[in-house]
Amino acid sequence: MTFTYQVQDFTATISTEEYIRRFSNSECFIKYCKECRNYGKVWVCPPFSHDTMAELHQYANLFLVATKIIPDEKKIPFSEVNRFFRPERLRIEKRLRDMEMTYGGKAFAYAGSC
């Protein structure tokens, strides 16, 4: 079965300090990470061997990319969402890698399956 969908990308630039102040809450999300099968097994998942806050503080600003995927069909089984999620994830990861090469920054893409 083929699923069609629409995609909207949203971007914003924000200072690193504002991002940390408004959106960083590791105490909140780490409990969910610990319940995940990837915790401690995948290099992009916690626990990390480096100080992630120190790494973020190397940059003055962050460029955020959010993607909204809107399926044309209203009732899609959850087991089928990777049919449109995966191609979009690959597209965004390529965009972030290209931006790393162009601007010399670092892409902090979402990890695992979260």
PDB file of N, CA and C in Angstrom:
ATOM      1  N   MET A   1       0.840  -1.177   0.000  1.00  0.00           N
ATOM      2  CA  MET A   1       0.000   0.000   0.000  1.00  0.00           C
ATOM      3  C   MET A   1       0.889   1.245   0.000  1.00  0.00           C
ATOM      4  N   THR A   2       0.550   2.216  -0.823  1.00  0.00           N
ATOM      5  CA  THR A   2       1.314   3.459  -0.912  1.00  0.00           C
ATOM      6  C   THR A   2       0.598   4.567  -0.158  1.00  0.00           C
ATOM      7  N   PHE A   3       1.355   5.289   0.634  1.00  0.00           N
ATOM      8  CA  PHE A   3       0.810   6.421   1.371  1.00  0.00           C
ATOM      9  C   PHE A   3       1.402   7.700   0.803  1.00  0.00           C
ATOM     10  N   THR A   4       0.554   8.656   0.528  1.00  0.00           N
ATOM     11  CA  THR A   4       1.033   9.959   0.076  1.00  0.00           C
ATOM     12  C   THR A   4       0.894  10.950   1.219  1.00  0.00           C
ATOM     13  N   TYR A   5       1.703  11.988   1.157  1.00  0.00           N
ATOM     14  CA  TYR A   5       1.728  12.953   2.255  1.00  0.00           C
ATOM     15  C   TYR A   5       2.296  14.276   1.774  1.00  0.00           C
ATOM     16  N   GLN A   6       2.068  15.295   2.550  1.00  0.00           N
ATOM     17  CA  GLN A   6       2.616  16.630   2.315  1.00  0.00           C
ATOM     18  C   GLN A   6       3.668  16.891   3.386  1.00  0.00           C
ATOM     19  N   VAL A   7       4.658  17.699   3.044  1.00  0.00           N
ATOM     20  CA  VAL A   7       5.731  18.015   3.980  1.00  0.00           C
ATOM     21  C   VAL A   7       5.899  19.522   4.069  1.00  0.00           C
ATOM     22  N   GLN A   8       6.055  20.000   5.289  1.00  0.00           N
ATOM     23  CA  GLN A   8       6.370  21.412   5.523  1.00  0.00           C
ATOM     24  C   GLN A   8       7.586  21.478   6.431  1.00  0.00           C
ATOM     25  N   ASP A   9       8.613  22.204   5.997  1.00  0.00           N
ATOM     26  CA  ASP A   9       9.785  22.436   6.832  1.00  0.00           C
ATOM     27  C   ASP A   9       9.679  23.830   7.437  1.00  0.00           C
ATOM     28  N   PHE A  10      10.031  23.930   8.700  1.00  0.00           N
ATOM     29  CA  PHE A  10      10.052  25.203   9.418  1.00  0.00           C
ATOM     30  C   PHE A  10      11.454  25.393   9.976  1.00  0.00           C
ATOM     31  N   THR A  11      11.976  26.600   9.893  1.00  0.00           N
ATOM     32  CA  THR A  11      13.313  26.861  10.409  1.00  0.00           C
ATOM     33  C   THR A  11      13.299  28.109  11.289  1.00  0.00           C
ATOM     34  N   ALA A  12      14.261  28.147  12.187  1.00  0.00           N
ATOM     35  CA  ALA A  12      14.428  29.316  13.055  1.00  0.00           C
ATOM     36  C   ALA A  12      15.874  29.347  13.532  1.00  0.00           C
ATOM     37  N   THR A  13      16.378  30.533  13.733  1.00  0.00           N
ATOM     38  CA  THR A  13      17.691  30.712  14.338  1.00  0.00           C
ATOM     39  C   THR A  13      17.471  31.258  15.741  1.00  0.00           C
ATOM     40  N   ILE A  14      18.199  30.712  16.698  1.00  0.00           N
ATOM     41  CA  ILE A  14      18.026  31.092  18.097  1.00  0.00           C
ATOM     42  C   ILE A  14      19.407  31.094  18.754  1.00  0.00           C
ATOM     43  N   SER A  15      19.611  31.972  19.709  1.00  0.00           N
ATOM     44  CA  SER A  15      20.896  31.947  20.408  1.00  0.00           C
ATOM     45  C   SER A  15      20.981  30.659  21.228  1.00  0.00           C
ATOM     46  N   THR A  16      22.174  30.169  21.380  1.00  0.00           N
ATOM     47  CA  THR A  16      22.388  28.953  22.161  1.00  0.00           C
ATOM     48  C   THR A  16      21.904  29.150  23.591  1.00  0.00           C
ATOM     49  N   GLU A  17      22.185  30.315  24.155  1.00  0.00           N
ATOM     50  CA  GLU A  17      21.758  30.597  25.527  1.00  0.00           C
ATOM     51  C   GLU A  17      20.234  30.541  25.663  1.00  0.00           C
ATOM     52  N   GLU A  18      19.530  31.157  24.711  1.00  0.00           N
ATOM     53  CA  GLU A  18      18.064  31.140  24.767  1.00  0.00           C
ATOM     54  C   GLU A  18      17.525  29.722  24.596  1.00  0.00           C
ATOM     55  N   TYR A  19      18.132  28.970  23.680  1.00  0.00           N
ATOM     56  CA  TYR A  19      17.700  27.585  23.465  1.00  0.00           C
ATOM     57  C   TYR A  19      17.842  26.778  24.761  1.00  0.00           C
ATOM     58  N   ILE A  20      18.984  26.883  25.409  1.00  0.00           N
ATOM     59  CA  ILE A  20      19.213  26.132  26.643  1.00  0.00           C
ATOM     60  C   ILE A  20      18.229  26.575  27.721  1.00  0.00           C
ATOM     61  N   ARG A  21      18.038  27.883  27.834  1.00  0.00           N
ATOM     62  CA  ARG A  21      17.135  28.407  28.865  1.00  0.00           C
ATOM     63  C   ARG A  21      15.690  27.969  28.636  1.00  0.00           C
ATOM     64  N   ARG A  22      15.235  28.016  27.400  1.00  0.00           N
ATOM     65  CA  ARG A  22      13.827  27.750  27.118  1.00  0.00           C
ATOM     66  C   ARG A  22      13.491  26.286  26.866  1.00  0.00           C
ATOM     67  N   PHE A  23      14.443  25.538  26.294  1.00  0.00           N
ATOM     68  CA  PHE A  23      14.071  24.212  25.793  1.00  0.00           C
ATOM     69  C   PHE A  23      14.893  23.050  26.328  1.00  0.00           C
ATOM     70  N   SER A  24      15.927  23.297  27.050  1.00  0.00           N
ATOM     71  CA  SER A  24      16.771  22.207  27.534  1.00  0.00           C
ATOM     72  C   SER A  24      16.324  21.792  28.930  1.00  0.00           C
ATOM     73  N   ASN A  25      15.940  20.534  29.050  1.00  0.00           N
ATOM     74  CA  ASN A  25      15.509  20.011  30.343  1.00  0.00           C
ATOM     75  C   ASN A  25      15.898  18.537  30.411  1.00  0.00           C
ATOM     76  N   SER A  26      17.204  18.309  30.553  1.00  0.00           N
ATOM     77  CA  SER A  26      17.692  16.935  30.507  1.00  0.00           C
ATOM     78  C   SER A  26      17.136  16.080  31.637  1.00  0.00           C
ATOM     79  N   GLU A  27      16.845  16.687  32.784  1.00  0.00           N
ATOM     80  CA  GLU A  27      16.281  15.905  33.886  1.00  0.00           C
ATOM     81  C   GLU A  27      14.927  15.304  33.498  1.00  0.00           C
ATOM     82  N   CYS A  28      14.194  16.017  32.683  1.00  0.00           N
ATOM     83  CA  CYS A  28      12.876  15.553  32.260  1.00  0.00           C
ATOM     84  C   CYS A  28      12.981  14.413  31.242  1.00  0.00           C
ATOM     85  N   PHE A  29      13.783  14.610  30.199  1.00  0.00           N
ATOM     86  CA  PHE A  29      13.782  13.608  29.143  1.00  0.00           C
ATOM     87  C   PHE A  29      14.676  12.411  29.424  1.00  0.00           C
ATOM     88  N   ILE A  30      15.666  12.530  30.301  1.00  0.00           N
ATOM     89  CA  ILE A  30      16.592  11.416  30.512  1.00  0.00           C
ATOM     90  C   ILE A  30      15.876  10.173  31.049  1.00  0.00           C
ATOM     91  N   LYS A  31      14.801  10.373  31.817  1.00  0.00           N
ATOM     92  CA  LYS A  31      14.074   9.197  32.322  1.00  0.00           C
ATOM     93  C   LYS A  31      13.445   8.409  31.172  1.00  0.00           C
ATOM     94  N   TYR A  32      13.038   9.108  30.096  1.00  0.00           N
ATOM     95  CA  TYR A  32      12.497   8.414  28.931  1.00  0.00           C
ATOM     96  C   TYR A  32      13.617   7.710  28.170  1.00  0.00           C
ATOM     97  N   CYS A  33      14.772   8.368  28.100  1.00  0.00           N
ATOM     98  CA  CYS A  33      15.924   7.753  27.439  1.00  0.00           C
ATOM     99  C   CYS A  33      16.298   6.440  28.120  1.00  0.00           C
ATOM    100  N   LYS A  34      16.290   6.435  29.442  1.00  0.00           N
ATOM    101  CA  LYS A  34      16.680   5.238  30.186  1.00  0.00           C
ATOM    102  C   LYS A  34      15.738   4.062  29.937  1.00  0.00           C
ATOM    103  N   GLU A  35      14.522   4.337  29.535  1.00  0.00           N
ATOM    104  CA  GLU A  35      13.557   3.277  29.245  1.00  0.00           C
ATOM    105  C   GLU A  35      13.701   2.727  27.828  1.00  0.00           C
ATOM    106  N   CYS A  36      14.475   3.417  26.994  1.00  0.00           N
ATOM    107  CA  CYS A  36      14.631   3.039  25.585  1.00  0.00           C
ATOM    108  C   CYS A  36      15.650   1.912  25.435  1.00  0.00           C
ATOM    109  N   ARG A  37      15.420   1.044  24.471  1.00  0.00           N
ATOM    110  CA  ARG A  37      16.343  -0.059  24.216  1.00  0.00           C
ATOM    111  C   ARG A  37      17.691   0.413  23.687  1.00  0.00           C
ATOM    112  N   ASN A  38      17.777   1.660  23.204  1.00  0.00           N
ATOM    113  CA  ASN A  38      19.040   2.184  22.679  1.00  0.00           C
ATOM    114  C   ASN A  38      19.912   2.841  23.746  1.00  0.00           C
ATOM    115  N   TYR A  39      19.382   3.025  24.941  1.00  0.00           N
ATOM    116  CA  TYR A  39      20.134   3.708  26.006  1.00  0.00           C
ATOM    117  C   TYR A  39      21.436   2.967  26.282  1.00  0.00           C
ATOM    118  N   GLY A  40      22.542   3.693  26.134  1.00  0.00           N
ATOM    119  CA  GLY A  40      23.861   3.116  26.384  1.00  0.00           C
ATOM    120  C   GLY A  40      24.378   2.195  25.299  1.00  0.00           C
ATOM    121  N   LYS A  41      23.636   2.071  24.190  1.00  0.00           N
ATOM    122  CA  LYS A  41      24.039   1.139  23.135  1.00  0.00           C
ATOM    123  C   LYS A  41      24.344   1.821  21.811  1.00  0.00           C
ATOM    124  N   VAL A  42      23.799   3.010  21.601  1.00  0.00           N
ATOM    125  CA  VAL A  42      23.964   3.728  20.338  1.00  0.00           C
ATOM    126  C   VAL A  42      24.748   5.006  20.627  1.00  0.00           C
ATOM    127  N   TRP A  43      25.723   5.337  19.787  1.00  0.00           N
ATOM    128  CA  TRP A  43      26.626   6.453  20.082  1.00  0.00           C
ATOM    129  C   TRP A  43      25.914   7.798  20.213  1.00  0.00           C
ATOM    130  N   VAL A  44      24.754   7.963  19.575  1.00  0.00           N
ATOM    131  CA  VAL A  44      24.034   9.238  19.651  1.00  0.00           C
ATOM    132  C   VAL A  44      23.014   9.281  20.784  1.00  0.00           C
ATOM    133  N   CYS A  45      22.983   8.228  21.580  1.00  0.00           N
ATOM    134  CA  CYS A  45      22.048   8.162  22.703  1.00  0.00           C
ATOM    135  C   CYS A  45      22.819   8.220  24.026  1.00  0.00           C
ATOM    136  N   PRO A  46      22.177   8.776  25.075  1.00  0.00           N
ATOM    137  CA  PRO A  46      22.832   8.817  26.382  1.00  0.00           C
ATOM    138  C   PRO A  46      23.061   7.401  26.924  1.00  0.00           C
ATOM    139  N   PRO A  47      23.907   7.277  27.923  1.00  0.00           N
ATOM    140  CA  PRO A  47      24.713   8.342  28.518  1.00  0.00           C
ATOM    141  C   PRO A  47      25.900   8.675  27.615  1.00  0.00           C
ATOM    142  N   PHE A  48      26.272   9.953  27.606  1.00  0.00           N
ATOM    143  CA  PHE A  48      27.347  10.416  26.738  1.00  0.00           C
ATOM    144  C   PHE A  48      28.671  10.430  27.479  1.00  0.00           C
ATOM    145  N   SER A  49      29.739  10.257  26.728  1.00  0.00           N
ATOM    146  CA  SER A  49      31.083  10.289  27.317  1.00  0.00           C
ATOM    147  C   SER A  49      31.647  11.703  27.323  1.00  0.00           C
ATOM    148  N   HIS A  50      30.869  12.668  26.840  1.00  0.00           N
ATOM    149  CA  HIS A  50      31.313  14.058  26.791  1.00  0.00           C
ATOM    150  C   HIS A  50      30.240  14.961  27.398  1.00  0.00           C
ATOM    151  N   ASP A  51      30.603  16.172  27.673  1.00  0.00           N
ATOM    152  CA  ASP A  51      29.693  17.159  28.262  1.00  0.00           C
ATOM    153  C   ASP A  51      28.908  17.831  27.134  1.00  0.00           C
ATOM    154  N   THR A  52      27.646  17.445  26.968  1.00  0.00           N
ATOM    155  CA  THR A  52      26.844  17.972  25.865  1.00  0.00           C
ATOM    156  C   THR A  52      26.600  19.473  25.991  1.00  0.00           C
ATOM    157  N   MET A  53      26.445  19.980  27.205  1.00  0.00           N
ATOM    158  CA  MET A  53      26.239  21.424  27.391  1.00  0.00           C
ATOM    159  C   MET A  53      27.492  22.204  26.998  1.00  0.00           C
ATOM    160  N   ALA A  54      28.656  21.694  27.356  1.00  0.00           N
ATOM    161  CA  ALA A  54      29.910  22.356  26.961  1.00  0.00           C
ATOM    162  C   ALA A  54      30.038  22.364  25.445  1.00  0.00           C
ATOM    163  N   GLU A  55      29.622  21.274  24.819  1.00  0.00           N
ATOM    164  CA  GLU A  55      29.674  21.207  23.354  1.00  0.00           C
ATOM    165  C   GLU A  55      28.736  22.239  22.732  1.00  0.00           C
ATOM    166  N   LEU A  56      27.531  22.365  23.258  1.00  0.00           N
ATOM    167  CA  LEU A  56      26.595  23.361  22.743  1.00  0.00           C
ATOM    168  C   LEU A  56      27.130  24.784  22.922  1.00  0.00           C
ATOM    169  N   HIS A  57      27.778  25.042  24.051  1.00  0.00           N
ATOM    170  CA  HIS A  57      28.283  26.385  24.352  1.00  0.00           C
ATOM    171  C   HIS A  57      29.412  26.819  23.411  1.00  0.00           C
ATOM    172  N   GLN A  58      29.896  25.924  22.579  1.00  0.00           N
ATOM    173  CA  GLN A  58      30.909  26.297  21.585  1.00  0.00           C
ATOM    174  C   GLN A  58      30.303  27.155  20.480  1.00  0.00           C
ATOM    175  N   TYR A  59      28.976  27.183  20.402  1.00  0.00           N
ATOM    176  CA  TYR A  59      28.283  27.874  19.315  1.00  0.00           C
ATOM    177  C   TYR A  59      27.441  29.013  19.865  1.00  0.00           C
ATOM    178  N   ALA A  60      27.455  30.136  19.172  1.00  0.00           N
ATOM    179  CA  ALA A  60      26.670  31.299  19.604  1.00  0.00           C
ATOM    180  C   ALA A  60      25.196  31.120  19.270  1.00  0.00           C
ATOM    181  N   ASN A  61      24.919  30.506  18.126  1.00  0.00           N
ATOM    182  CA  ASN A  61      23.544  30.367  17.650  1.00  0.00           C
ATOM    183  C   ASN A  61      23.274  28.947  17.182  1.00  0.00           C
ATOM    184  N   LEU A  62      22.001  28.613  17.179  1.00  0.00           N
ATOM    185  CA  LEU A  62      21.545  27.328  16.658  1.00  0.00           C
ATOM    186  C   LEU A  62      20.541  27.589  15.545  1.00  0.00           C
ATOM    187  N   PHE A  63      20.608  26.789  14.498  1.00  0.00           N
ATOM    188  CA  PHE A  63      19.645  26.834  13.409  1.00  0.00           C
ATOM    189  C   PHE A  63      18.771  25.602  13.556  1.00  0.00           C
ATOM    190  N   LEU A  64      17.509  25.806  13.867  1.00  0.00           N
ATOM    191  CA  LEU A  64      16.592  24.702  14.121  1.00  0.00           C
ATOM    192  C   LEU A  64      15.777  24.384  12.876  1.00  0.00           C
ATOM    193  N   VAL A  65      15.571  23.107  12.644  1.00  0.00           N
ATOM    194  CA  VAL A  65      14.745  22.647  11.529  1.00  0.00           C
ATOM    195  C   VAL A  65      13.697  21.701  12.095  1.00  0.00           C
ATOM    196  N   ALA A  66      12.445  21.999  11.824  1.00  0.00           N
ATOM    197  CA  ALA A  66      11.346  21.118  12.225  1.00  0.00           C
ATOM    198  C   ALA A  66      10.561  20.754  10.970  1.00  0.00           C
ATOM    199  N   THR A  67      10.142  19.530  10.889  1.00  0.00           N
ATOM    200  CA  THR A  67       9.398  19.067   9.720  1.00  0.00           C
ATOM    201  C   THR A  67       8.040  18.542  10.151  1.00  0.00           C
ATOM    202  N   LYS A  68       7.027  19.007   9.465  1.00  0.00           N
ATOM    203  CA  LYS A  68       5.661  18.542   9.708  1.00  0.00           C
ATOM    204  C   LYS A  68       5.273  17.645   8.531  1.00  0.00           C
ATOM    205  N   ILE A  69       4.905  16.419   8.843  1.00  0.00           N
ATOM    206  CA  ILE A  69       4.478  15.455   7.822  1.00  0.00           C
ATOM    207  C   ILE A  69       2.974  15.287   7.956  1.00  0.00           C
ATOM    208  N   ILE A  70       2.255  15.533   6.866  1.00  0.00           N
ATOM    209  CA  ILE A  70       0.797  15.491   6.878  1.00  0.00           C
ATOM    210  C   ILE A  70       0.329  14.401   5.902  1.00  0.00           C
ATOM    211  N   PRO A  71      -0.042  13.239   6.427  1.00  0.00           N
ATOM    212  CA  PRO A  71      -0.515  12.172   5.543  1.00  0.00           C
ATOM    213  C   PRO A  71      -1.818  12.580   4.853  1.00  0.00           C
ATOM    214  N   ASP A  72      -1.966  12.203   3.586  1.00  0.00           N
ATOM    215  CA  ASP A  72      -3.207  12.491   2.859  1.00  0.00           C
ATOM    216  C   ASP A  72      -4.341  11.606   3.362  1.00  0.00           C
ATOM    217  N   GLU A  73      -3.997  10.431   3.825  1.00  0.00           N
ATOM    218  CA  GLU A  73      -4.999   9.514   4.372  1.00  0.00           C
ATOM    219  C   GLU A  73      -5.084   9.735   5.881  1.00  0.00           C
ATOM    220  N   LYS A  74      -6.280   9.753   6.408  1.00  0.00           N
ATOM    221  CA  LYS A  74      -6.477  10.083   7.823  1.00  0.00           C
ATOM    222  C   LYS A  74      -6.133   8.954   8.782  1.00  0.00           C
ATOM    223  N   LYS A  75      -6.435   7.724   8.444  1.00  0.00           N
ATOM    224  CA  LYS A  75      -6.217   6.614   9.375  1.00  0.00           C
ATOM    225  C   LYS A  75      -5.154   5.678   8.812  1.00  0.00           C
ATOM    226  N   ILE A  76      -3.920   5.894   9.272  1.00  0.00           N
ATOM    227  CA  ILE A  76      -2.807   5.059   8.843  1.00  0.00           C
ATOM    228  C   ILE A  76      -2.347   4.251  10.052  1.00  0.00           C
ATOM    229  N   PRO A  77      -2.214   2.945   9.901  1.00  0.00           N
ATOM    230  CA  PRO A  77      -1.736   2.141  11.028  1.00  0.00           C
ATOM    231  C   PRO A  77      -0.344   2.601  11.465  1.00  0.00           C
ATOM    232  N   PHE A  78      -0.122   2.647  12.764  1.00  0.00           N
ATOM    233  CA  PHE A  78       1.164   3.088  13.291  1.00  0.00           C
ATOM    234  C   PHE A  78       2.307   2.259  12.714  1.00  0.00           C
ATOM    235  N   SER A  79       2.049   0.999  12.438  1.00  0.00           N
ATOM    236  CA  SER A  79       3.077   0.113  11.883  1.00  0.00           C
ATOM    237  C   SER A  79       3.544   0.553  10.497  1.00  0.00           C
ATOM    238  N   GLU A  80       2.822   1.459   9.868  1.00  0.00           N
ATOM    239  CA  GLU A  80       3.144   1.895   8.505  1.00  0.00           C
ATOM    240  C   GLU A  80       3.788   3.277   8.433  1.00  0.00           C
ATOM    241  N   VAL A  81       3.964   3.965   9.553  1.00  0.00           N
ATOM    242  CA  VAL A  81       4.446   5.351   9.495  1.00  0.00           C
ATOM    243  C   VAL A  81       5.861   5.474   8.945  1.00  0.00           C
ATOM    244  N   ASN A  82       6.680   4.430   9.063  1.00  0.00           N
ATOM    245  CA  ASN A  82       8.041   4.516   8.523  1.00  0.00           C
ATOM    246  C   ASN A  82       8.077   4.625   7.006  1.00  0.00           C
ATOM    247  N   ARG A  83       6.977   4.308   6.358  1.00  0.00           N
ATOM    248  CA  ARG A  83       6.935   4.443   4.893  1.00  0.00           C
ATOM    249  C   ARG A  83       7.085   5.894   4.459  1.00  0.00           C
ATOM    250  N   PHE A  84       6.670   6.829   5.287  1.00  0.00           N
ATOM    251  CA  PHE A  84       6.904   8.247   4.944  1.00  0.00           C
ATOM    252  C   PHE A  84       7.864   8.912   5.921  1.00  0.00           C
ATOM    253  N   PHE A  85       7.975   8.392   7.121  1.00  0.00           N
ATOM    254  CA  PHE A  85       8.896   8.982   8.087  1.00  0.00           C
ATOM    255  C   PHE A  85      10.348   8.777   7.658  1.00  0.00           C
ATOM    256  N   ARG A  86      10.705   7.579   7.264  1.00  0.00           N
ATOM    257  CA  ARG A  86      12.100   7.273   6.911  1.00  0.00           C
ATOM    258  C   ARG A  86      12.616   8.111   5.743  1.00  0.00           C
ATOM    259  N   PRO A  87      11.910   8.217   4.613  1.00  0.00           N
ATOM    260  CA  PRO A  87      12.438   9.047   3.518  1.00  0.00           C
ATOM    261  C   PRO A  87      12.637  10.513   3.934  1.00  0.00           C
ATOM    262  N   GLU A  88      11.735  11.014   4.763  1.00  0.00           N
ATOM    263  CA  GLU A  88      11.877  12.406   5.205  1.00  0.00           C
ATOM    264  C   GLU A  88      13.045  12.554   6.165  1.00  0.00           C
ATOM    265  N   ARG A  89      13.236  11.583   7.016  1.00  0.00           N
ATOM    266  CA  ARG A  89      14.383  11.620   7.931  1.00  0.00           C
ATOM    267  C   ARG A  89      15.687  11.628   7.140  1.00  0.00           C
ATOM    268  N   LEU A  90      15.789  10.785   6.120  1.00  0.00           N
ATOM    269  CA  LEU A  90      16.990  10.749   5.280  1.00  0.00           C
ATOM    270  C   LEU A  90      17.200  12.081   4.562  1.00  0.00           C
ATOM    271  N   ARG A  91      16.123  12.686   4.093  1.00  0.00           N
ATOM    272  CA  ARG A  91      16.206  13.987   3.410  1.00  0.00           C
ATOM    273  C   ARG A  91      16.745  15.056   4.360  1.00  0.00           C
ATOM    274  N   ILE A  92      16.222  15.085   5.576  1.00  0.00           N
ATOM    275  CA  ILE A  92      16.643  16.093   6.552  1.00  0.00           C
ATOM    276  C   ILE A  92      18.088  15.856   6.981  1.00  0.00           C
ATOM    277  N   GLU A  93      18.460  14.600   7.201  1.00  0.00           N
ATOM    278  CA  GLU A  93      19.842  14.306   7.580  1.00  0.00           C
ATOM    279  C   GLU A  93      20.817  14.743   6.500  1.00  0.00           C
ATOM    280  N   LYS A  94      20.455  14.549   5.226  1.00  0.00           N
ATOM    281  CA  LYS A  94      21.312  15.011   4.128  1.00  0.00           C
ATOM    282  C   LYS A  94      21.416  16.530   4.162  1.00  0.00           C
ATOM    283  N   ARG A  95      20.304  17.204   4.366  1.00  0.00           N
ATOM    284  CA  ARG A  95      20.318  18.669   4.448  1.00  0.00           C
ATOM    285  C   ARG A  95      21.250  19.137   5.568  1.00  0.00           C
ATOM    286  N   LEU A  96      21.178  18.493   6.721  1.00  0.00           N
ATOM    287  CA  LEU A  96      22.029  18.879   7.850  1.00  0.00           C
ATOM    288  C   LEU A  96      23.502  18.604   7.560  1.00  0.00           C
ATOM    289  N   ARG A  97      23.807  17.474   6.928  1.00  0.00           N
ATOM    290  CA  ARG A  97      25.199  17.180   6.569  1.00  0.00           C
ATOM    291  C   ARG A  97      25.724  18.210   5.571  1.00  0.00           C
ATOM    292  N   ASP A  98      24.898  18.575   4.596  1.00  0.00           N
ATOM    293  CA  ASP A  98      25.296  19.592   3.625  1.00  0.00           C
ATOM    294  C   ASP A  98      25.558  20.931   4.313  1.00  0.00           C
ATOM    295  N   MET A  99      24.726  21.273   5.284  1.00  0.00           N
ATOM    296  CA  MET A  99      24.922  22.526   6.019  1.00  0.00           C
ATOM    297  C   MET A  99      26.202  22.484   6.848  1.00  0.00           C
ATOM    298  N   GLU A 100      26.525  21.334   7.420  1.00  0.00           N
ATOM    299  CA  GLU A 100      27.792  21.198   8.151  1.00  0.00           C
ATOM    300  C   GLU A 100      28.966  21.524   7.237  1.00  0.00           C
ATOM    301  N   MET A 101      28.938  20.980   6.044  1.00  0.00           N
ATOM    302  CA  MET A 101      30.028  21.204   5.093  1.00  0.00           C
ATOM    303  C   MET A 101      30.084  22.665   4.642  1.00  0.00           C
ATOM    304  N   THR A 102      28.934  23.275   4.432  1.00  0.00           N
ATOM    305  CA  THR A 102      28.881  24.649   3.940  1.00  0.00           C
ATOM    306  C   THR A 102      29.280  25.666   5.003  1.00  0.00           C
ATOM    307  N   TYR A 103      28.762  25.499   6.222  1.00  0.00           N
ATOM    308  CA  TYR A 103      28.928  26.513   7.256  1.00  0.00           C
ATOM    309  C   TYR A 103      29.956  26.148   8.329  1.00  0.00           C
ATOM    310  N   GLY A 104      30.413  24.908   8.342  1.00  0.00           N
ATOM    311  CA  GLY A 104      31.426  24.510   9.308  1.00  0.00           C
ATOM    312  C   GLY A 104      30.912  24.304  10.714  1.00  0.00           C
ATOM    313  N   GLY A 105      29.614  24.204  10.881  1.00  0.00           N
ATOM    314  CA  GLY A 105      29.045  23.955  12.205  1.00  0.00           C
ATOM    315  C   GLY A 105      28.949  22.475  12.481  1.00  0.00           C
ATOM    316  N   LYS A 106      28.008  22.129  13.295  1.00  0.00           N
ATOM    317  CA  LYS A 106      27.798  20.718  13.646  1.00  0.00           C
ATOM    318  C   LYS A 106      26.302  20.462  13.722  1.00  0.00           C
ATOM    319  N   ALA A 107      25.853  19.410  13.061  1.00  0.00           N
ATOM    320  CA  ALA A 107      24.445  19.043  13.077  1.00  0.00           C
ATOM    321  C   ALA A 107      24.190  18.131  14.260  1.00  0.00           C
ATOM    322  N   PHE A 108      23.227  18.511  15.083  1.00  0.00           N
ATOM    323  CA  PHE A 108      22.778  17.679  16.188  1.00  0.00           C
ATOM    324  C   PHE A 108      21.408  17.143  15.787  1.00  0.00           C
ATOM    325  N   ALA A 109      21.406  16.078  15.033  1.00  0.00           N
ATOM    326  CA  ALA A 109      20.151  15.503  14.552  1.00  0.00           C
ATOM    327  C   ALA A 109      19.536  14.650  15.634  1.00  0.00           C
ATOM    328  N   TYR A 110      18.258  14.417  15.479  1.00  0.00           N
ATOM    329  CA  TYR A 110      17.584  13.523  16.426  1.00  0.00           C
ATOM    330  C   TYR A 110      18.205  12.151  16.290  1.00  0.00           C
ATOM    331  N   ALA A 111      18.107  11.390  17.341  1.00  0.00           N
ATOM    332  CA  ALA A 111      18.822  10.117  17.389  1.00  0.00           C
ATOM    333  C   ALA A 111      17.859   8.947  17.501  1.00  0.00           C
ATOM    334  N   GLY A 112      18.404   7.783  17.292  1.00  0.00           N
ATOM    335  CA  GLY A 112      17.643   6.567  17.496  1.00  0.00           C
ATOM    336  C   GLY A 112      16.295   6.597  16.820  1.00  0.00           C
ATOM    337  N   SER A 113      15.286   6.170  17.537  1.00  0.00           N
ATOM    338  CA  SER A 113      13.936   6.151  16.968  1.00  0.00           C
ATOM    339  C   SER A 113      13.006   7.093  17.727  1.00  0.00           C
ATOM    340  N   CYS A 114      13.592   7.966  18.539  1.00  0.00           N
ATOM    341  CA  CYS A 114      12.761   8.881  19.330  1.00  0.00           C
ATOM    342  C   CYS A 114      12.368  10.121  18.529  1.00  0.00           C
TER     343      CYS A 114
END
